[in-house]
C-alpha atoms as a PDB file:
ATOM      1  CA  MET A   1     -14.114 106.409  52.923  1.00  0.00           C
ATOM      2  CA  LYS A   2     -13.384 102.688  53.672  1.00  0.00           C
ATOM      3  CA  TRP A   3     -14.472 102.725  57.295  1.00  0.00           C
ATOM      4  CA  MET A   4     -17.868 104.306  56.360  1.00  0.00           C
ATOM      5  CA  LEU A   5     -18.480 101.478  53.866  1.00  0.00           C
ATOM      6  CA  ILE A   6     -17.271  98.820  56.645  1.00  0.00           C
ATOM      7  CA  THR A   7     -19.724 100.356  58.968  1.00  0.00           C
ATOM      8  CA  MET A   8     -22.606 100.289  56.632  1.00  0.00           C
ATOM      9  CA  MET A   9     -21.940  96.734  55.444  1.00  0.00           C
ATOM     10  CA  LEU A  10     -21.909  95.552  59.103  1.00  0.00           C
ATOM     11  CA  SER A  11     -25.015  97.339  60.151  1.00  0.00           C
ATOM     12  CA  ASN A  12     -27.059  96.304  56.981  1.00  0.00           C
ATOM     13  CA  PRO A  13     -25.222  93.598  55.194  1.00  0.00           C
ATOM     14  CA  VAL A  14     -26.051  92.442  51.667  1.00  0.00           C
ATOM     15  CA  VAL A  15     -27.572  88.914  51.691  1.00  0.00           C
ATOM     16  CA  TYR A  16     -27.985  86.819  48.605  1.00  0.00           C
ATOM     17  CA  THR A  17     -30.713  84.223  48.074  1.00  0.00           C
ATOM     18  CA  ASN A  18     -28.117  81.341  47.206  1.00  0.00           C
ATOM     19  CA  GLU A  19     -24.476  80.664  46.564  1.00  0.00           C
ATOM     20  CA  ALA A  20     -24.470  80.994  42.610  1.00  0.00           C
ATOM     21  CA  THR A  21     -25.750  84.794  42.953  1.00  0.00           C
ATOM     22  CA  CYS A  22     -23.319  85.447  45.624  1.00  0.00           C
ATOM     23  CA  GLU A  23     -20.571  84.136  43.455  1.00  0.00           C
ATOM     24  CA  VAL A  24     -21.625  86.349  40.486  1.00  0.00           C
ATOM     25  CA  ALA A  25     -21.513  89.423  42.795  1.00  0.00           C
ATOM     26  CA  ARG A  26     -18.063  88.270  44.210  1.00  0.00           C
ATOM     27  CA  MET A  27     -16.695  88.159  40.623  1.00  0.00           C
ATOM     28  CA  ARG A  28     -18.003  91.548  39.604  1.00  0.00           C
ATOM     29  CA  LEU A  29     -16.481  93.026  42.681  1.00  0.00           C
ATOM     30  CA  ALA A  30     -13.176  91.240  42.232  1.00  0.00           C
ATOM     31  CA  ASP A  31     -12.852  93.355  38.993  1.00  0.00           C
ATOM     32  CA  MET A  32     -12.475  96.291  41.319  1.00  0.00           C
ATOM     33  CA  ASP A  33     -10.835  94.923  44.257  1.00  0.00           C
ATOM     34  CA  GLN A  34      -8.944  91.564  44.372  1.00  0.00           C
ATOM     35  CA  SER A  35      -9.716  91.101  48.071  1.00  0.00           C
ATOM     36  CA  ALA A  36     -13.448  90.684  47.609  1.00  0.00           C
ATOM     37  CA  VAL A  37     -15.119  87.585  49.140  1.00  0.00           C
ATOM     38  CA  CYS A  38     -18.446  85.931  49.270  1.00  0.00           C
ATOM     39  CA  ILE A  39     -19.607  84.846  52.852  1.00  0.00           C
ATOM     40  CA  PRO A  40     -22.832  82.740  53.033  1.00  0.00           C
ATOM     41  CA  ALA A  41     -25.549  84.452  55.092  1.00  0.00           C
ATOM     42  CA  GLY A  42     -26.831  81.050  56.391  1.00  0.00           C
ATOM     43  CA  GLN A  43     -30.378  80.384  57.367  1.00  0.00           C
ATOM     44  CA  THR A  44     -31.070  82.983  59.949  1.00  0.00           C
ATOM     45  CA  VAL A  45     -34.501  83.998  61.161  1.00  0.00           C
ATOM     46  CA  SER A  46     -34.971  87.107  63.557  1.00  0.00           C
ATOM     47  CA  GLU A  47     -37.021  86.301  66.597  1.00  0.00           C
ATOM     48  CA  SER A  48     -39.906  88.714  65.512  1.00  0.00           C
ATOM     49  CA  ASP A  49     -40.184  86.899  62.141  1.00  0.00           C
ATOM     50  CA  ALA A  50     -40.330  83.609  63.838  1.00  0.00           C
ATOM     51  CA  MET A  51     -42.925  84.832  66.109  1.00  0.00           C
ATOM     52  CA  PHE A  52     -45.019  86.222  63.403  1.00  0.00           C
ATOM     53  CA  ASP A  53     -44.385  82.835  61.355  1.00  0.00           C
ATOM     54  CA  LYS A  54     -45.835  80.990  64.422  1.00  0.00           C
ATOM     55  CA  PHE A  55     -48.700  83.310  64.796  1.00  0.00           C
ATOM     56  CA  PHE A  56     -49.741  83.234  61.197  1.00  0.00           C
ATOM     57  CA  ASN A  57     -49.363  79.240  61.242  1.00  0.00           C
ATOM     58  CA  MET A  58     -51.838  79.289  64.085  1.00  0.00           C
ATOM     59  CA  VAL A  59     -54.288  81.413  62.365  1.00  0.00           C
ATOM     60  CA  GLU A  60     -54.106  79.272  59.296  1.00  0.00           C
ATOM     61  CA  LYS A  61     -54.923  76.370  61.422  1.00  0.00           C
ATOM     62  CA  MET A  62     -57.940  78.010  63.230  1.00  0.00           C
ATOM     63  CA  HIS A  63     -59.350  78.976  59.861  1.00  0.00           C
ATOM     64  CA  LYS A  64     -58.911  75.422  58.571  1.00  0.00           C
ATOM     65  CA  LEU A  65     -60.628  74.234  61.856  1.00  0.00           C
ATOM     66  CA  GLU A  66     -63.429  76.775  61.415  1.00  0.00           C
ATOM     67  CA  GLN A  67     -63.932  75.574  57.883  1.00  0.00           C
ATOM     68  CA  ASN A  68     -64.237  71.935  58.814  1.00  0.00           C
ATOM     69  CA  LYS A  69     -66.677  72.871  61.495  1.00  0.00           C
ATOM     70  CA  SER A  70     -68.926  74.517  58.887  1.00  0.00           C
ATOM     71  CA  VAL A  71     -68.679  71.552  56.366  1.00  0.00           C
ATOM     72  CA  ASP A  72     -69.616  69.182  59.529  1.00  0.00           C
ATOM     73  CA  LYS A  73     -72.600  71.302  60.309  1.00  0.00           C
ATOM     74  CA  LEU A  74     -73.723  71.367  56.702  1.00  0.00           C
ATOM     75  CA  GLY A  75     -73.187  67.631  56.355  1.00  0.00           C
ATOM     76  CA  ASN A  76     -75.500  66.716  59.509  1.00  0.00           C
END
């Protein structure tokens, strides 16, 4: 059973948003298993997420440029 849990956690790890939440989880797990630890996830972003972030930033910039052009046309 342990090998199934280890495999599951390695393929889809639990990630907490901050250290305090991670510590609360560790303390609750420690009640069941004294060897429970909390490992910070760090700031990782997948390549596809980074690509979409850049794409949406570009779309937002283009939208702002389009709005500015429309305002300039109305002002002249």
